[in-house]
Amino acid sequence: MEGYLADAVAEAIEPVQHLEKEWEPAKLCKRLREYFKKAAKSLEFKDKGRSWTGLVNDFADSAFSSIFQAIGDRQWLDQVDFIFVLDAGIKEFFPRHVLDDVPQAELERSVLAAHDRAFEEQRYLPKLYDFLESMGLTGKTRKKAYDSVDEGRKVALRYMRDPSAPDEVKAFVSRWVDATVKNLHRFTQGDPASVLDEGQAAQIFEQLLKDGDLLTEA
């Protein structure tokens, strides 16, 4: 479906294009199309061991990684809904045989989940890195803290059912904290305080929750 991506990109940025001060709308659209095209070129469609869901997630990860590397500093970026752009990119770049036998409803659910997860990860991870740096953590210590929190969040996401339910949010946060502590124990051979003390760990979660970097259903 050649041209489908271009239409989807133009529609996605239309509500925010007046907020972009550096690039003209035409240039912004062109760059965004290029990020999705580049992401598609990086996929291993001939790898029979890679599932279609894996390819969808790889596509989302690569596209949003490029977007956030290039324009992650734009304040308007959080306001853009890229779900139909991602869907358009899949329809335009994925070989037919990859998705021929996939039910439409199942594909839509997977695309939505991949979009939400990948976008949120790209939005949240730089904030986590910067906050750890602001706490004075550097080198291997920062990496252990970063990996512990990030992997803890991924573990907590696997158990999510309904992100809109208050009880689910509370359970998610509890699992995230527990998994992070376990990771710290594992990464430090049982000495988590060598990376983060209780006060520092509390600071990290308070900041992330304050910023709204909670969850997106995977």
Protein backbone atom coordinates (compact mmCIF):
# COMPACT_ATOMS: atom_id res chain seq x y z
CA MET A 1 0.00 0.00 0.00
CA GLU A 2 2.44 2.62 -1.21
CA GLY A 3 1.58 6.09 0.02
CA TYR A 4 -0.37 4.83 3.02
CA LEU A 5 2.49 5.77 5.36
CA ALA A 6 2.73 9.30 3.99
CA ASP A 7 -0.96 9.92 4.61
CA ALA A 8 -0.77 8.49 8.12
CA VAL A 9 2.26 10.62 9.05
CA ALA A 10 0.66 13.81 7.74
CA GLU A 11 -2.52 13.11 9.70
CA ALA A 12 -0.61 12.27 12.89
CA ILE A 13 1.42 15.48 13.01
CA GLU A 14 -1.29 17.83 11.79
CA PRO A 15 -2.49 18.69 15.34
CA VAL A 16 1.03 19.57 16.53
CA GLN A 17 2.88 20.85 13.47
CA HIS A 18 2.34 24.46 14.56
CA LEU A 19 4.39 23.66 17.68
CA GLU A 20 7.46 22.57 15.71
CA LYS A 21 9.87 25.53 15.49
CA GLU A 22 12.83 23.99 13.66
CA TRP A 23 11.45 21.99 10.74
CA GLU A 24 8.74 22.89 8.28
CA PRO A 25 5.80 20.42 8.16
CA ALA A 26 7.00 18.93 4.86
CA LYS A 27 10.47 18.26 6.29
CA LEU A 28 9.05 16.82 9.50
CA CYS A 29 6.81 14.45 7.54
CA LYS A 30 9.70 13.40 5.34
CA ARG A 31 11.97 12.68 8.30
CA LEU A 32 9.32 10.65 10.08
CA ARG A 33 8.66 8.58 6.97
CA GLU A 34 12.40 7.96 6.69
CA TYR A 35 12.60 6.68 10.28
CA PHE A 36 9.89 4.11 9.63
CA LYS A 37 11.38 3.12 6.26
CA LYS A 38 14.79 2.67 7.86
CA ALA A 39 13.22 0.58 10.62
CA ALA A 40 11.64 -1.73 8.06
CA LYS A 41 14.97 -2.21 6.26
CA SER A 42 16.53 -3.42 9.51
CA LEU A 43 14.07 -6.32 9.86
CA GLU A 44 14.99 -9.93 9.14
CA PHE A 45 11.93 -11.00 7.18
CA LYS A 46 13.71 -14.11 5.88
CA ASP A 47 14.45 -15.37 9.39
CA LYS A 48 11.97 -18.23 9.76
CA GLY A 49 12.65 -18.36 13.46
CA ARG A 50 11.32 -14.82 13.97
CA SER A 51 7.57 -14.68 14.61
CA TRP A 52 5.35 -12.03 13.05
CA THR A 53 4.75 -10.55 16.50
CA GLY A 54 8.50 -10.34 17.00
CA LEU A 55 8.87 -8.49 13.70
CA VAL A 56 6.10 -6.06 14.64
CA ASN A 57 7.83 -5.31 17.93
CA ASP A 58 11.24 -5.02 16.27
CA PHE A 59 9.75 -2.54 13.80
CA ALA A 60 8.23 -0.45 16.59
CA ASP A 61 11.45 -0.51 18.63
CA SER A 62 13.61 0.57 15.71
CA ALA A 63 11.25 3.29 14.48
CA PHE A 64 10.68 4.90 17.86
CA SER A 65 14.35 4.64 18.76
CA SER A 66 15.19 6.70 15.66
CA ILE A 67 12.41 9.19 16.37
CA PHE A 68 13.48 9.81 19.95
CA GLN A 69 17.16 10.05 19.03
CA ALA A 70 16.33 12.73 16.48
CA ILE A 71 13.49 14.72 18.05
CA GLY A 72 13.13 13.35 21.56
CA ASP A 73 13.60 16.86 22.92
CA ARG A 74 10.41 18.15 21.28
CA GLN A 75 7.79 18.97 23.90
CA TRP A 76 4.97 18.12 21.51
CA LEU A 77 6.15 14.57 20.84
CA ASP A 78 4.05 13.06 23.64
CA GLN A 79 0.95 14.51 21.99
CA VAL A 80 1.38 12.59 18.73
CA ASP A 81 -0.53 9.35 18.26
CA PHE A 82 1.68 7.14 16.10
CA ILE A 83 -0.51 4.04 16.21
CA PHE A 84 -1.88 4.52 12.68
CA VAL A 85 1.60 5.46 11.43
CA LEU A 86 3.00 2.20 12.78
CA ASP A 87 0.08 0.30 11.27
CA ALA A 88 0.61 2.05 7.94
CA GLY A 89 4.31 1.22 7.97
CA ILE A 90 3.54 -2.45 8.55
CA LYS A 91 1.04 -2.48 5.69
CA GLU A 92 3.48 -0.71 3.38
CA PHE A 93 6.74 -2.48 4.19
CA PHE A 94 5.94 -5.96 5.52
CA PRO A 95 5.92 -8.72 2.86
CA ARG A 96 2.46 -10.18 2.41
CA HIS A 97 3.47 -13.69 3.39
CA VAL A 98 4.45 -12.52 6.89
CA LEU A 99 0.91 -11.51 7.82
CA ASP A 100 -1.25 -13.50 5.38
CA ASP A 101 -2.54 -15.94 8.00
CA VAL A 102 -2.87 -13.45 10.86
CA PRO A 103 -6.45 -12.55 11.87
CA GLN A 104 -7.08 -8.81 11.55
CA ALA A 105 -8.23 -8.42 15.16
CA GLU A 106 -5.11 -10.18 16.44
CA LEU A 107 -2.87 -8.02 14.28
CA GLU A 108 -4.53 -4.83 15.52
CA ARG A 109 -4.06 -5.87 19.16
CA SER A 110 -0.40 -6.70 18.57
CA VAL A 111 0.29 -3.45 16.73
CA LEU A 112 -1.36 -1.43 19.50
CA ALA A 113 0.59 -3.27 22.20
CA ALA A 114 3.90 -2.89 20.32
CA HIS A 115 3.24 0.81 19.77
CA ASP A 116 2.40 1.53 23.39
CA ARG A 117 5.30 -0.46 24.80
CA ALA A 118 7.97 0.82 22.41
CA PHE A 119 6.90 4.46 22.59
CA GLU A 120 6.73 4.43 26.37
CA GLU A 121 10.13 2.77 26.69
CA GLN A 122 11.77 5.39 24.49
CA ARG A 123 10.04 8.15 26.44
CA TYR A 124 10.87 6.77 29.85
CA LEU A 125 14.40 5.36 29.57
CA PRO A 126 16.22 8.68 28.95
CA LYS A 127 14.44 10.16 31.96
CA LEU A 128 15.59 7.27 34.12
CA TYR A 129 19.17 7.67 32.88
CA ASP A 130 19.19 11.43 33.49
CA PHE A 131 17.68 11.08 36.95
CA LEU A 132 20.26 8.48 37.99
CA GLU A 133 22.98 10.79 36.72
CA SER A 134 21.51 13.71 38.69
CA MET A 135 21.79 11.53 41.80
CA GLY A 136 25.53 11.28 41.26
CA LEU A 137 25.51 7.68 40.04
CA THR A 138 28.13 6.97 37.36
CA GLY A 139 29.76 4.12 35.49
CA LYS A 140 28.99 0.56 36.53
CA THR A 141 26.96 1.71 39.51
CA ARG A 142 24.60 3.70 37.31
CA LYS A 143 24.33 0.83 34.83
CA LYS A 144 23.38 -1.64 37.57
CA ALA A 145 20.75 0.73 38.91
CA TYR A 146 19.44 1.47 35.40
CA ASP A 147 19.22 -2.20 34.42
CA SER A 148 17.61 -3.17 37.74
CA VAL A 149 14.83 -0.59 37.44
CA ASP A 150 14.24 -1.16 33.73
CA GLU A 151 14.16 -4.96 33.93
CA GLY A 152 11.98 -4.71 37.03
CA ARG A 153 9.46 -2.68 35.08
CA LYS A 154 9.42 -5.23 32.25
CA VAL A 155 8.75 -8.03 34.74
CA ALA A 156 5.88 -6.07 36.28
CA LEU A 157 4.37 -5.38 32.84
CA ARG A 158 4.09 -9.07 32.07
CA TYR A 159 1.45 -9.44 34.78
CA MET A 160 -0.65 -6.46 33.73
CA ARG A 161 -4.25 -7.08 32.71
CA ASP A 162 -6.13 -3.79 32.80
CA PRO A 163 -3.85 -0.70 33.09
CA SER A 164 -6.87 1.52 33.71
CA ALA A 165 -7.89 -0.30 36.91
CA PRO A 166 -6.62 1.42 40.11
CA ASP A 167 -5.92 -1.90 41.81
CA GLU A 168 -3.89 -3.04 38.81
CA VAL A 169 -1.78 0.12 38.95
CA LYS A 170 -1.04 -0.43 42.65
CA ALA A 171 -0.14 -4.05 41.98
CA PHE A 172 2.08 -3.00 39.07
CA VAL A 173 4.04 -0.55 41.21
CA SER A 174 4.45 -3.15 43.96
CA ARG A 175 5.73 -5.75 41.48
CA TRP A 176 8.03 -3.18 39.87
CA VAL A 177 9.63 -2.33 43.22
CA ASP A 178 9.95 -5.98 44.24
CA ALA A 179 11.49 -6.99 40.91
CA THR A 180 13.92 -4.05 41.04
CA VAL A 181 15.10 -5.05 44.51
CA LYS A 182 15.60 -8.65 43.36
CA ASN A 183 17.58 -7.45 40.36
CA LEU A 184 19.77 -5.28 42.57
CA HIS A 185 20.49 -8.28 44.78
CA ARG A 186 21.39 -10.32 41.70
CA PHE A 187 23.56 -7.64 40.07
CA THR A 188 25.44 -6.88 43.30
CA GLN A 189 25.85 -10.42 44.67
CA GLY A 190 23.55 -9.65 47.58
CA ASP A 191 24.72 -6.13 48.36
CA PRO A 192 22.10 -3.78 46.82
CA ALA A 193 23.10 -0.89 49.08
CA SER A 194 26.40 -0.73 47.21
CA VAL A 195 24.39 0.68 44.29
CA LEU A 196 21.29 2.21 45.87
CA ASP A 197 20.30 2.70 49.47
CA GLU A 198 16.61 2.67 50.45
CA GLY A 199 16.36 6.44 50.31
CA GLN A 200 17.78 6.64 46.80
CA ALA A 201 15.52 3.85 45.57
CA ALA A 202 12.50 5.65 47.00
CA GLN A 203 13.60 8.85 45.24
CA ILE A 204 13.76 7.07 41.88
CA PHE A 205 10.27 5.64 42.09
CA GLU A 206 8.79 8.86 43.45
CA GLN A 207 10.25 10.75 40.49
CA LEU A 208 9.14 8.21 37.88
CA LEU A 209 5.63 8.06 39.30
CA LYS A 210 5.49 11.84 39.48
CA ASP A 211 6.47 12.07 35.80
CA GLY A 212 3.78 9.55 34.90
CA ASP A 213 6.27 6.95 33.70
CA LEU A 214 4.19 4.13 35.02
CA LEU A 215 3.12 1.59 32.53
CA THR A 216 1.95 0.75 29.11
CA GLU A 217 0.49 -2.65 28.55
CA ALA A 218 2.91 -4.89 26.72
